Amino acid sequence: MTDRLTGISVQTAIRVRYAETDMMGVVHHATYPVWFEVGRSDLMREMGLPYTEIEARGYYLMLSGLNVEYRRAARYDDELVVTTHISALRSRTVTFVYEVRRGEELLSTGESRHIATDKQYRPARMPDDVIAALGG
């Protein structure tokens, strides 16, 4: 899977921790967005734009939408790979797409949409060099 904008995707290895599972040993549904954040942070670092730099420049990328599709259960101690890429980018918004796999088996897919805001949480246009770094 590659980013249509830059061709960049990042694969993040995750080993399921006991605390991420329910009484049945299945990963709790709320864990997937946390893994998505790890993948998103790894992708931004890979693109030369760590999230800390975005904040240091006076911006937040606030979550405006989240979708997760669950296909198969992940379990305690599974070795997983989260693949992350950018699927859409505009002057104020960016959309990340995720796949979680155990080997070749697709466990879940997801998408998170983010809007750029200033430090007062007002929507703001991302600087041109940030858009360029993200692939625009």
C-alpha atoms as a PDB file:
ATOM      1  CA  MET A   1       0.000   0.000   0.000  1.00  0.00           C
ATOM      2  CA  THR A   2       1.431   3.389  -0.931  1.00  0.00           C
ATOM      3  CA  ASP A   3       0.432   6.976  -0.521  1.00  0.00           C
ATOM      4  CA  ARG A   4      -1.065   8.290  -3.755  1.00  0.00           C
ATOM      5  CA  LEU A   5       0.458  11.674  -3.001  1.00  0.00           C
ATOM      6  CA  THR A   6       4.078  10.786  -2.221  1.00  0.00           C
ATOM      7  CA  GLY A   7       4.436   7.039  -2.619  1.00  0.00           C
ATOM      8  CA  ILE A   8       5.403   6.857   1.056  1.00  0.00           C
ATOM      9  CA  SER A   9       3.885   4.367   3.448  1.00  0.00           C
ATOM     10  CA  VAL A  10       5.234   3.250   6.789  1.00  0.00           C
ATOM     11  CA  GLN A  11       4.979  -0.146   8.417  1.00  0.00           C
ATOM     12  CA  THR A  12       4.976  -0.180  12.206  1.00  0.00           C
ATOM     13  CA  ALA A  13       5.481  -3.427  14.122  1.00  0.00           C
ATOM     14  CA  ILE A  14       3.172  -3.942  17.098  1.00  0.00           C
ATOM     15  CA  ARG A  15       3.107  -6.837  19.567  1.00  0.00           C
ATOM     16  CA  VAL A  16      -0.232  -7.071  21.340  1.00  0.00           C
ATOM     17  CA  ARG A  17       0.153  -6.405  25.057  1.00  0.00           C
ATOM     18  CA  TYR A  18      -2.005  -8.116  27.669  1.00  0.00           C
ATOM     19  CA  ALA A  19      -3.468  -4.769  28.793  1.00  0.00           C
ATOM     20  CA  GLU A  20      -4.863  -4.252  25.271  1.00  0.00           C
ATOM     21  CA  THR A  21      -7.095  -7.324  25.484  1.00  0.00           C
ATOM     22  CA  ASP A  22     -10.434  -8.125  27.088  1.00  0.00           C
ATOM     23  CA  MET A  23     -11.336 -11.136  29.261  1.00  0.00           C
ATOM     24  CA  MET A  24     -11.451 -13.317  26.141  1.00  0.00           C
ATOM     25  CA  GLY A  25      -7.878 -12.397  25.173  1.00  0.00           C
ATOM     26  CA  VAL A  26      -9.138 -10.418  22.166  1.00  0.00           C
ATOM     27  CA  VAL A  27      -7.819  -6.921  21.487  1.00  0.00           C
ATOM     28  CA  HIS A  28     -10.331  -4.326  22.686  1.00  0.00           C
ATOM     29  CA  HIS A  29     -11.831  -2.247  19.881  1.00  0.00           C
ATOM     30  CA  ALA A  30     -10.569   1.014  21.408  1.00  0.00           C
ATOM     31  CA  THR A  31      -6.957  -0.109  20.977  1.00  0.00           C
ATOM     32  CA  TYR A  32      -6.936   0.195  17.183  1.00  0.00           C
ATOM     33  CA  PRO A  33      -7.085   4.019  17.106  1.00  0.00           C
ATOM     34  CA  VAL A  34      -4.103   4.054  19.494  1.00  0.00           C
ATOM     35  CA  TRP A  35      -2.162   1.865  17.055  1.00  0.00           C
ATOM     36  CA  PHE A  36      -3.242   4.183  14.233  1.00  0.00           C
ATOM     37  CA  GLU A  37      -1.702   7.093  16.132  1.00  0.00           C
ATOM     38  CA  VAL A  38       1.582   5.209  16.445  1.00  0.00           C
ATOM     39  CA  GLY A  39       1.573   4.560  12.693  1.00  0.00           C
ATOM     40  CA  ARG A  40       0.659   8.175  11.923  1.00  0.00           C
ATOM     41  CA  SER A  41       3.482   9.480  14.115  1.00  0.00           C
ATOM     42  CA  ASP A  42       5.952   7.095  12.464  1.00  0.00           C
ATOM     43  CA  LEU A  43       4.816   8.210   8.996  1.00  0.00           C
ATOM     44  CA  MET A  44       5.171  11.897   9.817  1.00  0.00           C
ATOM     45  CA  ARG A  45       8.676  11.332  11.210  1.00  0.00           C
ATOM     46  CA  GLU A  46       9.575   9.367   8.060  1.00  0.00           C
ATOM     47  CA  MET A  47       8.366  12.307   5.952  1.00  0.00           C
ATOM     48  CA  GLY A  48      10.652  14.664   7.905  1.00  0.00           C
ATOM     49  CA  LEU A  49       7.784  16.355   9.718  1.00  0.00           C
ATOM     50  CA  PRO A  50       7.410  15.024  13.267  1.00  0.00           C
ATOM     51  CA  TYR A  51       4.207  16.096  14.973  1.00  0.00           C
ATOM     52  CA  THR A  52       6.230  17.965  17.601  1.00  0.00           C
ATOM     53  CA  GLU A  53       7.428  20.284  14.818  1.00  0.00           C
ATOM     54  CA  ILE A  54       3.844  21.005  13.738  1.00  0.00           C
ATOM     55  CA  GLU A  55       2.977  22.003  17.318  1.00  0.00           C
ATOM     56  CA  ALA A  56       6.165  24.032  17.707  1.00  0.00           C
ATOM     57  CA  ARG A  57       5.078  26.050  14.667  1.00  0.00           C
ATOM     58  CA  GLY A  58       1.755  26.888  16.317  1.00  0.00           C
ATOM     59  CA  TYR A  59      -0.567  24.282  14.807  1.00  0.00           C
ATOM     60  CA  TYR A  60      -2.507  21.220  15.876  1.00  0.00           C
ATOM     61  CA  LEU A  61      -3.835  18.463  13.635  1.00  0.00           C
ATOM     62  CA  MET A  62      -7.091  17.857  15.485  1.00  0.00           C
ATOM     63  CA  LEU A  63      -9.031  14.682  14.882  1.00  0.00           C
ATOM     64  CA  SER A  64     -12.227  15.457  12.968  1.00  0.00           C
ATOM     65  CA  GLY A  65     -13.266  11.939  11.991  1.00  0.00           C
ATOM     66  CA  LEU A  66     -12.368   8.334  12.689  1.00  0.00           C
ATOM     67  CA  ASN A  67     -13.479   5.082  11.131  1.00  0.00           C
ATOM     68  CA  VAL A  68     -12.376   1.538  11.963  1.00  0.00           C
ATOM     69  CA  GLU A  69     -13.523  -1.618  10.190  1.00  0.00           C
ATOM     70  CA  TYR A  70     -12.902  -4.802  12.170  1.00  0.00           C
ATOM     71  CA  ARG A  71     -12.465  -7.966  10.085  1.00  0.00           C
ATOM     72  CA  ARG A  72     -10.641 -10.492  12.285  1.00  0.00           C
ATOM     73  CA  ALA A  73      -9.697 -10.597  15.950  1.00  0.00           C
ATOM     74  CA  ALA A  74      -6.188  -9.812  17.138  1.00  0.00           C
ATOM     75  CA  ARG A  75      -5.126 -11.608  20.300  1.00  0.00           C
ATOM     76  CA  TYR A  76      -2.605 -11.295  23.090  1.00  0.00           C
ATOM     77  CA  ASP A  77       1.024 -11.619  21.939  1.00  0.00           C
ATOM     78  CA  ASP A  78       0.170 -11.470  18.220  1.00  0.00           C
ATOM     79  CA  GLU A  79       2.804  -9.810  16.064  1.00  0.00           C
ATOM     80  CA  LEU A  80       1.055  -7.233  13.897  1.00  0.00           C
ATOM     81  CA  VAL A  81       2.009  -4.650  11.303  1.00  0.00           C
ATOM     82  CA  VAL A  82       0.202  -1.329  10.961  1.00  0.00           C
ATOM     83  CA  THR A  83       0.671   0.200   7.505  1.00  0.00           C
ATOM     84  CA  THR A  84      -0.063   3.921   7.275  1.00  0.00           C
ATOM     85  CA  HIS A  85      -0.264   6.370   4.374  1.00  0.00           C
ATOM     86  CA  ILE A  86      -1.904   9.653   3.446  1.00  0.00           C
ATOM     87  CA  SER A  87      -4.901   9.359   1.134  1.00  0.00           C
ATOM     88  CA  ALA A  88      -6.011  13.004   0.911  1.00  0.00           C
ATOM     89  CA  LEU A  89      -4.476  16.389   1.603  1.00  0.00           C
ATOM     90  CA  ARG A  90      -5.938  19.875   1.393  1.00  0.00           C
ATOM     91  CA  SER A  91      -4.819  23.218   2.733  1.00  0.00           C
ATOM     92  CA  ARG A  92      -6.558  22.624   6.092  1.00  0.00           C
ATOM     93  CA  THR A  93      -7.167  18.868   6.230  1.00  0.00           C
ATOM     94  CA  VAL A  94      -5.290  15.615   5.919  1.00  0.00           C
ATOM     95  CA  THR A  95      -6.603  12.033   5.827  1.00  0.00           C
ATOM     96  CA  PHE A  96      -4.552   9.036   6.934  1.00  0.00           C
ATOM     97  CA  VAL A  97      -5.426   5.442   6.023  1.00  0.00           C
ATOM     98  CA  TYR A  98      -4.415   2.341   7.994  1.00  0.00           C
ATOM     99  CA  GLU A  99      -4.258  -1.440   7.622  1.00  0.00           C
ATOM    100  CA  VAL A 100      -3.549  -3.822  10.495  1.00  0.00           C
ATOM    101  CA  ARG A 101      -2.263  -7.256   9.481  1.00  0.00           C
ATOM    102  CA  ARG A 102      -1.098 -10.427  11.176  1.00  0.00           C
ATOM    103  CA  GLY A 103       1.211 -11.772   8.517  1.00  0.00           C
ATOM    104  CA  GLU A 104      -0.814 -11.660   5.301  1.00  0.00           C
ATOM    105  CA  GLU A 105      -4.151 -11.714   7.142  1.00  0.00           C
ATOM    106  CA  LEU A 106      -5.991  -8.380   7.139  1.00  0.00           C
ATOM    107  CA  LEU A 107      -7.430  -7.734  10.613  1.00  0.00           C
ATOM    108  CA  SER A 108      -8.704  -4.175  10.271  1.00  0.00           C
ATOM    109  CA  THR A 109      -8.684  -1.056   8.162  1.00  0.00           C
ATOM    110  CA  GLY A 110      -9.242   2.500   9.207  1.00  0.00           C
ATOM    111  CA  GLU A 111      -9.112   6.154   8.381  1.00  0.00           C
ATOM    112  CA  SER A 112      -8.576   9.279  10.433  1.00  0.00           C
ATOM    113  CA  ARG A 113      -9.323  12.785   9.239  1.00  0.00           C
ATOM    114  CA  HIS A 114      -7.594  15.774  10.797  1.00  0.00           C
ATOM    115  CA  ILE A 115      -8.105  19.516  10.542  1.00  0.00           C
ATOM    116  CA  ALA A 116      -5.317  22.011  11.096  1.00  0.00           C
ATOM    117  CA  THR A 117      -6.014  24.563  13.807  1.00  0.00           C
ATOM    118  CA  ASP A 118      -4.082  27.325  15.464  1.00  0.00           C
ATOM    119  CA  LYS A 119      -3.355  27.248  19.205  1.00  0.00           C
ATOM    120  CA  GLN A 120      -6.787  28.792  19.864  1.00  0.00           C
ATOM    121  CA  TYR A 121      -8.396  25.804  18.060  1.00  0.00           C
ATOM    122  CA  ARG A 122      -9.550  27.863  15.082  1.00  0.00           C
ATOM    123  CA  PRO A 123      -9.260  26.197  11.657  1.00  0.00           C
ATOM    124  CA  ALA A 124      -6.071  27.353   9.955  1.00  0.00           C
ATOM    125  CA  ARG A 125      -4.365  26.839   6.632  1.00  0.00           C
ATOM    126  CA  MET A 126      -1.233  24.728   6.931  1.00  0.00           C
ATOM    127  CA  PRO A 127       1.956  26.475   5.778  1.00  0.00           C
ATOM    128  CA  ASP A 128       2.991  25.654   2.205  1.00  0.00           C
ATOM    129  CA  ASP A 129       6.155  23.822   3.307  1.00  0.00           C
ATOM    130  CA  VAL A 130       4.068  21.585   5.635  1.00  0.00           C
ATOM    131  CA  ILE A 131       1.687  20.765   2.790  1.00  0.00           C
ATOM    132  CA  ALA A 132       4.688  20.039   0.566  1.00  0.00           C
ATOM    133  CA  ALA A 133       6.277  17.778   3.197  1.00  0.00           C
ATOM    134  CA  LEU A 134       2.995  15.856   3.520  1.00  0.00           C
ATOM    135  CA  GLY A 135       2.899  15.377  -0.216  1.00  0.00           C
ATOM    136  CA  GLY A 136       0.782  18.220  -1.597  1.00  0.00           C
END
